[in-house]
Every structure is written in structure tokens, then in C-alpha cells.
Protein backbone atom coordinates (compact mmCIF):
# COMPACT_ATOMS: atom_id res chain seq x y z
CA UNK A 1 47.55 39.03 34.31
CA UNK A 2 48.07 37.28 37.61
CA UNK A 3 48.74 33.42 38.01
CA UNK A 4 45.62 33.24 39.97
CA UNK A 5 43.66 34.49 37.15
CA UNK A 6 45.51 32.63 34.47
CA UNK A 7 44.58 29.41 36.64
CA UNK A 8 41.05 30.50 36.43
CA UNK A 9 41.20 30.83 32.64
CA UNK A 10 42.48 27.53 32.28
CA UNK A 11 39.79 25.90 34.76
CA UNK A 12 36.90 27.85 32.90
CA UNK A 13 38.01 26.42 29.52
CA UNK A 14 38.36 23.17 30.78
CA UNK A 15 34.97 23.24 32.18
CA UNK A 16 33.66 24.41 28.98
CA UNK A 17 35.24 21.66 27.51
CA UNK A 18 33.97 19.13 29.85
CA UNK A 19 30.34 20.45 29.72
CA UNK A 20 30.68 20.34 25.85
CA UNK A 21 31.61 16.64 26.16
CA UNK A 22 28.65 15.68 28.45
CA UNK A 23 25.96 17.11 26.13
CA UNK A 24 27.53 15.00 23.34
CA UNK A 25 27.43 12.17 25.15
CA UNK A 26 23.75 12.85 26.47
CA UNK A 27 22.76 13.09 22.82
CA UNK A 28 24.61 10.03 22.02
CA UNK A 29 22.75 8.27 24.89
CA UNK A 30 19.20 9.83 23.84
CA UNK A 31 19.72 8.83 20.10
CA UNK A 32 20.58 5.35 21.07
CA UNK A 33 17.64 5.34 23.47
CA UNK A 34 15.18 6.46 20.59
CA UNK A 35 16.60 3.84 18.34
CA UNK A 36 16.41 1.19 20.97
CA UNK A 37 12.44 1.93 21.40
CA UNK A 38 11.96 1.74 17.79
CA UNK A 39 13.75 -1.39 17.13
CA UNK A 40 11.71 -2.68 20.11
CA UNK A 41 8.51 -2.09 18.31
CA UNK A 42 9.99 -3.42 15.06
CA UNK A 43 11.11 -6.61 17.00
CA UNK A 44 7.79 -7.47 18.16
CA UNK A 45 6.21 -6.62 14.72
CA UNK A 46 8.93 -9.24 13.05
CA UNK A 47 8.29 -11.76 15.79
CA UNK A 48 4.44 -11.75 15.05
CA UNK A 49 5.37 -11.96 11.35
CA UNK A 50 7.64 -15.10 12.03
CA UNK A 51 5.05 -17.00 13.90
CA UNK A 52 2.33 -15.79 11.08
CA UNK A 53 4.68 -17.19 8.15
CA UNK A 54 5.86 -20.29 10.00
CA UNK A 55 1.76 -20.99 10.36
CA UNK A 56 1.38 -20.34 6.44
CA UNK A 57 4.42 -22.66 5.88
CA UNK A 58 2.63 -25.52 7.50
CA UNK A 59 -0.40 -25.14 5.88
CA UNK A 60 1.40 -24.70 2.47
CA UNK A 61 3.53 -27.72 3.21
CA UNK A 62 0.21 -30.13 3.68
CA UNK A 63 -1.08 -28.69 0.51
CA UNK A 64 2.10 -29.33 -1.34
CA UNK A 65 2.21 -32.72 -0.15
CA UNK A 66 -1.39 -33.43 -1.02
CA UNK A 67 -0.47 -32.16 -4.44
CA UNK A 68 2.45 -34.23 -4.91
CA UNK A 69 0.41 -37.41 -3.54
CA UNK A 70 -1.93 -36.40 -6.52
CA UNK A 71 0.67 -36.03 -9.18
CA UNK A 72 2.13 -39.36 -8.21
CA UNK A 73 -1.35 -41.17 -8.48
CA UNK A 74 -1.94 -39.54 -11.62
CA UNK A 75 1.63 -40.68 -12.97
CA UNK A 76 1.17 -44.15 -11.83
CA UNK A 77 -2.45 -44.46 -13.58
CA UNK A 78 -1.66 -42.27 -16.75
CA UNK A 79 -4.11 -44.30 -18.74
CA UNK A 80 -7.00 -43.43 -16.32
CA UNK A 81 -6.90 -39.58 -16.48
CA UNK A 82 -7.49 -37.33 -19.38
CA UNK A 83 -4.40 -35.03 -20.45
CA UNK A 84 -6.30 -32.01 -18.87
CA UNK A 85 -6.26 -33.77 -15.55
CA UNK A 86 -2.87 -34.74 -15.77
CA UNK A 87 -1.78 -31.00 -16.80
CA UNK A 88 -3.87 -29.47 -13.83
CA UNK A 89 -2.31 -32.17 -11.15
CA UNK A 90 1.18 -31.11 -12.72
CA UNK A 91 0.69 -27.16 -12.39
CA UNK A 92 -0.71 -27.50 -9.03
CA UNK A 93 1.96 -29.52 -7.68
CA UNK A 94 4.40 -27.08 -9.19
CA UNK A 95 2.61 -24.09 -8.05
CA UNK A 96 2.33 -25.29 -4.52
CA UNK A 97 6.45 -26.20 -4.42
CA UNK A 98 6.87 -22.18 -5.79
CA UNK A 99 4.67 -20.80 -3.17
CA UNK A 100 6.33 -23.14 -0.22
CA UNK A 101 9.91 -21.92 -1.59
CA UNK A 102 8.89 -18.36 -1.65
CA UNK A 103 7.20 -18.54 2.30
CA UNK A 104 10.57 -20.38 3.20
CA UNK A 105 12.77 -17.58 1.96
CA UNK A 106 10.66 -15.03 3.70
CA UNK A 107 10.79 -16.92 6.80
CA UNK A 108 14.54 -17.10 6.63
CA UNK A 109 14.67 -13.40 5.89
CA UNK A 110 12.34 -12.62 8.88
CA UNK A 111 14.42 -14.59 11.18
CA UNK A 112 17.20 -13.05 9.86
CA UNK A 113 16.16 -9.68 10.40
CA UNK A 114 14.82 -10.68 13.89
CA UNK A 115 18.33 -11.76 15.23
CA UNK A 116 19.75 -8.83 13.77
CA UNK A 117 17.49 -6.57 15.61
CA UNK A 118 18.08 -8.67 18.80
CA UNK A 119 22.13 -8.05 18.50
CA UNK A 120 21.40 -4.37 17.79
CA UNK A 121 19.29 -4.06 20.84
CA UNK A 122 21.80 -5.56 22.95
CA UNK A 123 24.58 -3.03 21.67
CA UNK A 124 22.16 -0.11 22.20
CA UNK A 125 21.52 -1.16 25.62
CA UNK A 126 24.93 -1.19 26.39
CA UNK A 127 25.51 2.24 24.75
CA UNK A 128 22.67 3.72 26.79
CA UNK A 129 24.08 2.36 29.93
CA UNK A 130 27.68 3.66 29.46
CA UNK A 131 26.46 6.98 28.47
CA UNK A 132 24.33 7.21 31.58
CA UNK A 133 27.51 6.23 33.56
CA UNK A 134 29.60 8.62 31.76
CA UNK A 135 27.28 11.67 32.22
CA UNK A 136 27.09 10.76 35.92
CA UNK A 137 30.58 10.62 36.34
CA UNK A 138 31.14 13.79 34.25
CA UNK A 139 28.42 15.41 36.48
CA UNK A 140 30.51 14.22 39.71
CA UNK A 141 33.78 15.95 38.42
CA UNK A 142 32.00 19.33 37.27
CA UNK A 143 30.21 19.36 40.73
CA UNK A 144 33.50 18.63 42.70
CA UNK A 145 35.49 21.32 40.94
CA UNK A 146 32.89 24.17 41.04
CA UNK A 147 30.96 23.24 44.45
CA UNK A 148 31.66 25.37 47.18
CA UNK A 149 33.12 23.01 49.92
CA UNK A 150 33.52 25.60 52.47
CA UNK A 151 31.06 24.24 54.78
CA UNK A 152 32.73 20.80 54.40
CA UNK A 153 36.09 22.14 55.22
CA UNK A 154 34.75 23.81 58.38
CA UNK A 155 33.70 20.30 59.34
CA UNK A 156 36.63 18.33 58.35
CA UNK A 157 40.09 19.41 59.31
CA UNK A 158 42.35 16.91 57.78
CA UNK A 159 42.38 17.69 53.77
CA UNK A 160 42.57 14.32 52.63
CA UNK A 161 39.37 13.37 54.44
CA UNK A 162 37.56 16.36 53.16
CA UNK A 163 37.89 15.37 49.70
CA UNK A 164 36.85 11.80 50.28
CA UNK A 165 33.90 13.18 52.56
CA UNK A 166 32.81 15.61 49.62
CA UNK A 167 33.08 13.14 46.84
CA UNK A 168 30.90 10.93 48.89
CA UNK A 169 28.43 13.69 49.33
CA UNK A 170 28.52 14.60 45.54
CA UNK A 171 28.26 10.97 44.58
CA UNK A 172 25.18 10.56 46.83
CA UNK A 173 23.47 13.49 45.20
CA UNK A 174 24.20 12.18 41.70
CA UNK A 175 22.96 8.95 42.45
CA UNK A 176 19.77 10.31 43.91
CA UNK A 177 19.38 12.51 40.84
CA UNK A 178 19.72 9.55 38.46
CA UNK A 179 17.43 7.46 40.72
CA UNK A 180 14.99 10.48 40.49
CA UNK A 181 15.50 10.75 36.59
CA UNK A 182 14.81 7.15 36.05
CA UNK A 183 11.83 6.74 38.52
CA UNK A 184 10.18 9.81 36.46
CA UNK A 185 11.16 8.21 33.05
CA UNK A 186 9.88 4.71 34.03
CA UNK A 187 6.81 6.41 35.97
CA UNK A 188 4.97 9.67 35.00
CA UNK A 189 7.01 9.88 31.60
CA UNK A 190 6.11 6.37 30.48
CA UNK A 191 2.52 6.82 31.73
CA UNK A 192 2.23 9.93 29.79
CA UNK A 193 3.52 8.15 26.49
CA UNK A 194 1.10 5.58 26.83
CA UNK A 195 -1.63 8.49 27.36
CA UNK A 196 -0.54 9.96 23.94
CA UNK A 197 -0.93 6.44 22.19
CA UNK A 198 -4.28 5.81 23.89
CA UNK A 199 -5.63 9.09 22.81
CA UNK A 200 -4.86 8.69 19.23
CA UNK A 201 -6.48 5.30 19.71
CA UNK A 202 -9.72 6.68 20.92
CA UNK A 203 -10.14 8.33 17.42
CA UNK A 204 -9.66 5.24 15.42
CA UNK A 205 -11.89 3.09 18.09
CA UNK A 206 -14.81 6.02 17.54
CA UNK A 207 -14.45 5.71 13.60
CA UNK A 208 -14.33 1.75 13.62
CA UNK A 209 -16.47 0.66 16.46
CA UNK A 210 -18.61 3.97 17.58
CA UNK A 211 -19.30 6.03 20.36
CA UNK A 212 -19.67 3.63 23.14
CA UNK A 213 -16.48 1.54 22.76
CA UNK A 214 -14.60 5.23 22.48
CA UNK A 215 -16.28 6.17 25.68
CA UNK A 216 -14.65 3.00 27.19
CA UNK A 217 -11.39 3.91 25.86
CA UNK A 218 -11.71 7.76 27.36
CA UNK A 219 -12.69 6.11 30.76
CA UNK A 220 -9.22 3.88 30.69
CA UNK A 221 -7.40 6.98 29.43
CA UNK A 222 -9.04 8.75 32.50
CA UNK A 223 -7.81 6.48 34.79
CA UNK A 224 -3.88 6.31 33.22
CA UNK A 225 -4.02 10.26 33.70
CA UNK A 226 -5.16 9.81 37.49
CA UNK A 227 -2.21 7.11 37.88
CA UNK A 228 0.08 9.37 36.44
CA UNK A 229 -0.95 12.12 38.69
CA UNK A 230 -0.71 9.97 41.74
CA UNK A 231 2.84 9.00 40.80
CA UNK A 232 3.93 12.59 40.27
CA UNK A 233 2.56 13.35 43.70
CA UNK A 234 4.23 10.58 45.38
CA UNK A 235 7.92 11.37 43.76
CA UNK A 236 7.18 15.15 45.04
CA UNK A 237 6.40 13.62 48.48
CA UNK A 238 9.29 11.72 48.48
CA UNK A 239 11.56 14.61 47.58
CA UNK A 240 10.28 16.92 50.68
CA UNK A 241 6.88 16.34 52.25
CA UNK A 242 5.42 19.66 52.77
CA UNK A 243 3.90 18.62 55.90
CA UNK A 244 7.03 18.45 57.72
CA UNK A 245 7.63 22.27 57.46
CA UNK A 246 3.88 22.69 58.46
CA UNK A 247 2.87 19.89 60.97
CA UNK A 248 6.33 18.81 62.60
CA UNK A 249 7.94 15.54 62.62
CA UNK A 250 5.33 13.22 64.37
CA UNK A 251 2.34 14.02 62.22
CA UNK A 252 4.52 13.52 58.98
CA UNK A 253 6.03 10.32 60.09
CA UNK A 254 2.18 9.04 60.86
CA UNK A 255 1.21 9.94 57.14
CA UNK A 256 4.35 8.71 55.61
CA UNK A 257 4.21 5.47 57.43
CA UNK A 258 0.42 4.86 56.55
CA UNK A 259 0.94 5.83 52.94
CA UNK A 260 3.78 3.37 52.57
CA UNK A 261 1.53 0.77 54.56
CA UNK A 262 -1.03 1.12 51.74
CA UNK A 263 1.23 1.53 48.92
CA UNK A 264 3.40 -1.69 49.83
CA UNK A 265 0.90 -3.91 51.75
CA UNK A 266 3.49 -4.29 54.60
CA UNK A 267 2.30 -4.11 58.07
CA UNK A 268 3.99 -0.95 59.47
CA UNK A 269 3.56 0.33 63.29
CA UNK A 270 4.18 3.59 64.62
CA UNK A 271 4.65 4.46 68.37
CA UNK A 272 5.35 8.05 69.69
CA UNK A 273 6.56 8.33 73.16
CA UNK A 274 7.22 11.60 75.04
CA UNK A 275 5.81 15.47 74.65
CA UNK A 276 5.37 16.02 70.88
CA UNK A 277 6.86 18.86 70.12
CA UNK A 278 8.48 21.03 67.36
CA UNK A 279 12.36 20.26 66.76
CA UNK A 280 14.96 22.37 65.04
CA UNK A 281 14.50 22.12 61.36
CA UNK A 282 17.66 20.22 60.38
CA UNK A 283 16.90 17.84 63.08
CA UNK A 284 13.41 16.97 61.65
CA UNK A 285 14.44 16.40 58.47
CA UNK A 286 17.67 14.36 59.44
CA UNK A 287 15.17 12.16 61.64
CA UNK A 288 12.36 11.89 58.79
CA UNK A 289 14.91 10.85 56.17
CA UNK A 290 16.27 8.39 58.49
CA UNK A 291 13.35 6.63 59.06
CA UNK A 292 12.42 7.12 55.20
CA UNK A 293 15.71 5.42 54.46
CA UNK A 294 15.28 2.51 56.86
CA UNK A 295 11.64 1.60 55.96
CA UNK A 296 12.55 1.63 52.31
CA UNK A 297 15.27 -0.60 52.55
CA UNK A 298 13.47 -2.91 54.83
CA UNK A 299 10.65 -2.96 52.12
CA UNK A 300 12.93 -2.94 49.13
CA UNK A 301 15.78 -5.23 50.01
CA UNK A 302 14.79 -7.02 53.11
CA UNK A 303 11.58 -8.26 52.05
CA UNK A 304 9.84 -7.37 55.44
CA UNK A 305 6.20 -8.25 55.95
CA UNK A 306 6.20 -5.97 59.21
CA UNK A 307 8.20 -2.99 60.19
CA UNK A 308 7.86 -1.48 63.56
CA UNK A 309 8.75 2.42 64.19
CA UNK A 310 9.33 3.77 67.44
CA UNK A 311 10.17 7.65 68.33
CA UNK A 312 10.96 8.84 71.82
CA UNK A 313 11.59 12.38 72.51
CA UNK A 314 12.98 13.49 75.97
CA UNK A 315 14.24 16.87 77.39
CA UNK A 316 17.81 16.59 75.79
CA UNK A 317 17.73 13.51 72.94
CA UNK A 318 15.50 12.00 70.27
CA UNK A 319 15.74 8.17 70.03
CA UNK A 320 14.41 6.22 67.06
CA UNK A 321 14.38 2.37 66.35
CA UNK A 322 13.40 0.50 63.33
CA UNK A 323 12.63 -2.92 63.74
CA UNK A 324 11.66 -5.30 60.68
CA UNK A 325 11.34 -9.25 60.09
CA UNK A 326 13.15 -9.44 56.95
CA UNK A 327 15.78 -11.52 55.62
CA UNK A 328 18.78 -9.49 57.42
CA UNK A 329 22.01 -8.70 56.48
CA UNK A 330 25.68 -8.54 57.76
CA UNK A 331 26.09 -5.03 58.93
CA UNK A 332 29.83 -5.36 58.52
CA UNK A 333 29.96 -6.63 55.15
CA UNK A 334 30.31 -3.74 52.53
CA UNK A 335 28.61 -4.01 49.20
CA UNK A 336 29.64 -2.46 46.05
CA UNK A 337 27.55 0.79 45.23
CA UNK A 338 25.71 0.46 48.40
CA UNK A 339 25.14 4.01 50.04
CA UNK A 340 22.29 3.53 52.46
CA UNK A 341 24.06 2.65 55.51
CA UNK A 342 26.96 4.86 54.94
CA UNK A 343 24.45 7.71 54.04
CA UNK A 344 22.91 7.15 57.57
CA UNK A 345 26.13 6.99 59.55
CA UNK A 346 27.23 10.17 58.00
CA UNK A 347 23.88 11.79 58.71
CA UNK A 348 23.97 10.78 62.13
CA UNK A 349 27.54 11.75 62.53
CA UNK A 350 26.79 15.28 61.48
CA UNK A 351 24.16 15.30 64.43
CA UNK A 352 26.57 14.27 66.96
CA UNK A 353 24.73 11.27 67.60
CA UNK A 354 24.95 7.56 67.59
CA UNK A 355 23.73 4.80 65.47
CA UNK A 356 23.43 0.95 66.22
CA UNK A 357 22.52 -1.79 63.89
CA UNK A 358 21.76 -5.28 64.86
CA UNK A 359 21.27 -7.62 62.36
CA UNK A 360 21.80 -11.16 60.67
CA UNK A 361 20.95 -13.54 58.11
CA UNK A 362 17.24 -14.86 58.45
CA UNK A 363 16.85 -13.00 61.72
CA UNK A 364 15.45 -9.42 60.72
CA UNK A 365 17.26 -6.09 61.53
CA UNK A 366 16.77 -3.64 64.35
CA UNK A 367 18.47 -0.03 64.00
CA UNK A 368 18.44 2.40 66.79
CA UNK A 369 19.49 5.82 66.54
CA UNK A 370 20.39 8.45 69.35
CA UNK A 371 20.73 12.12 68.72
CA UNK A 372 20.88 15.03 71.00
CA UNK A 373 18.49 17.98 71.03
CA UNK A 374 20.60 21.13 71.66
CA UNK A 375 17.56 23.57 71.61
CA UNK A 376 13.81 23.42 70.80
CA UNK A 377 12.06 25.27 68.01
């Protein structure tokens, strides 16, 4: 057995172990997430019960107070009441006191259960987040060890720089996968879970309130399904708009920016200069992603109310300018975990282009990119 073959065997065994560990961590995260959702439901029920028993306690305290006052009055004027009246006054005061004690004990138990659930929820949330982080880190390791870095090697001559660059790409891909996973979980997946709950509710409404109320529930259910479908289409569109392959860069940008304007209620203008034509596929994708990233950043992070996008195509270059009236930022300040600007710069560098960013706090942001067009499609 050759040394290379032995190393390959060791690597395969190591990857198998790492893969098994990832699956176990994923299972722990999913189990914790399930328990978290169940406890959230129980917490809402316990909180409602706490409010209810507090109200019952208050009413019982009023009754008990009146009963004690009645007993005190009877005791002071013992000769004016019959033995039966005295006995009833005593029994009623005692009965209310016992019920009050029981209610107070129930309230104490409910409060303790509520506090216990809240503490458990904090721990479960931390477990889920740590599990997600560990799975992401393991995915980075697996992708880096098994990925084909041949193309990156051809681009970067220095081995150390190649590793750093490759890891940045893999980290960015993993972050995108995590973002997409959360977007699907919080969007369509959550909507479909609500659809399941509402579908069960329709049957109960039909039995309890009749066909008219059930039809109203079905109408709401249909709207939820429609919203879920729209959300799925939006996610698919963000992944790769099919119009980019069919129509080209300019029409796709027009559609995308109009869609963003309608969805975010932000004023977005688009101006295209020069002769409209098809560009090399990789260039069209890069320019579209650049505009998409810049517009989303302006809307999400800069709180912009207006975004202006300009595309100019000349014989040998493409120029893109994005300007917004948002809160601005310091381009030289590096934020932990932020990949947006770095991703833009890397994308432009791979196209042998240039990028300029002009921004400061409270004065909006202007981003300009210029890339060469080596050939037309």
C-alpha cells in the first residue's frame, strides 16, 4: 500500500467520523428545537392559567374577607343569632379560607412552572444556536477538505493567500446556505405549519359554528397558501432569476428593482445608458449580483428611502452606480462577520474591474463599479 493511498484512507476515515459527528449535532439541535417549540406552547398556556388563577384568588379573597367580617359580627353579638346561623357563618368562613389556601398553592406552583420553563427555554435556545454554529463550522471543514480548489489555485499563486481566499469563498457559501435555510424555515415552512394548524381548525369550526364560519376559515387558509407560494417564488427568484438567462441583464434588473420597490415600499429608480445588448454570462451574473447585494444592503442596513441605480454600457466596459440616501457608514471600518463589501470587492477583482465606495455617517452611500467587457455574447 503506497503512502498516498494510506493518507487517503486516513482522510476518508476522518471525514466519515466528522460526518457522523455533524449528524449527531444536527439531531441534538433538532430535538432541542422541537422541545423549545413545545415549551413555548406550554408557557403560553401556563401564563394564561397564572392570570386566571390570580383573578380567582382576588375574588376568593373578597369572599373570604366578607365571610370573616360576618363571623366577627356573629361572634360579637352571639346572643342575637341562632346556633345554626353561628355554625353556618363559621363553616363558610372556614371553607373560603381553605379554598383561598388551595388557590394560593396552585398559583405558587404555576409561577414556579412558568419560571422553570423560561429558564429551560433560554438554555434550549442557546443549545440550538450552538448546534447550528457547530454544524456550519463542520460543513466548512468538510467542504474545504473535500472541495476542488484547482480553479482557485490557478487564480492565486501564493499558497497561503490561496487558502485564505478559498476559506472565504466556502464561508460565504455556508453563510448563504444558513441564510437560505433560515429564510425557508421562517417563511414557507412556518406558513405551511400554520396551514396545517388552520386546516385542523376548519373542521372544528364547521362542527361548532356551521358551514358559513368554516368557509371563512377556508378563505383565510387559501390566502395563507397564496402567501406561502409567493414567498417560495421570491426565494427562488433571489437564488437565480430565470429572466437573466432568457432576457439578459437590463430587463432582469428592471424586473428585480420594480419587485423590490413594491415589496419594500422604497423608491427605486433605474436608468440604463448605452446600447442594450447581451454580455458574457459570467459578467451578467456578476453585475446582477452586485446590484442585488448593494440594493439589499441599502434597504436592510442603511434604512434608505430612495435608491438610484444606473447602468452604462460602452463598447469595452460596463459601469454601475448605486446611490442611496441612507444612514451611511465608514467604508474603512471592518465589522465582525460582515461579508457584503468583501464579497463585492472579490467579485469585482475576479472580473479585473474597479470599485469605489463613498460614504459617511448620515450622508448616504455611493458605490461605483467599472468592469471591462472583453467580448460580447
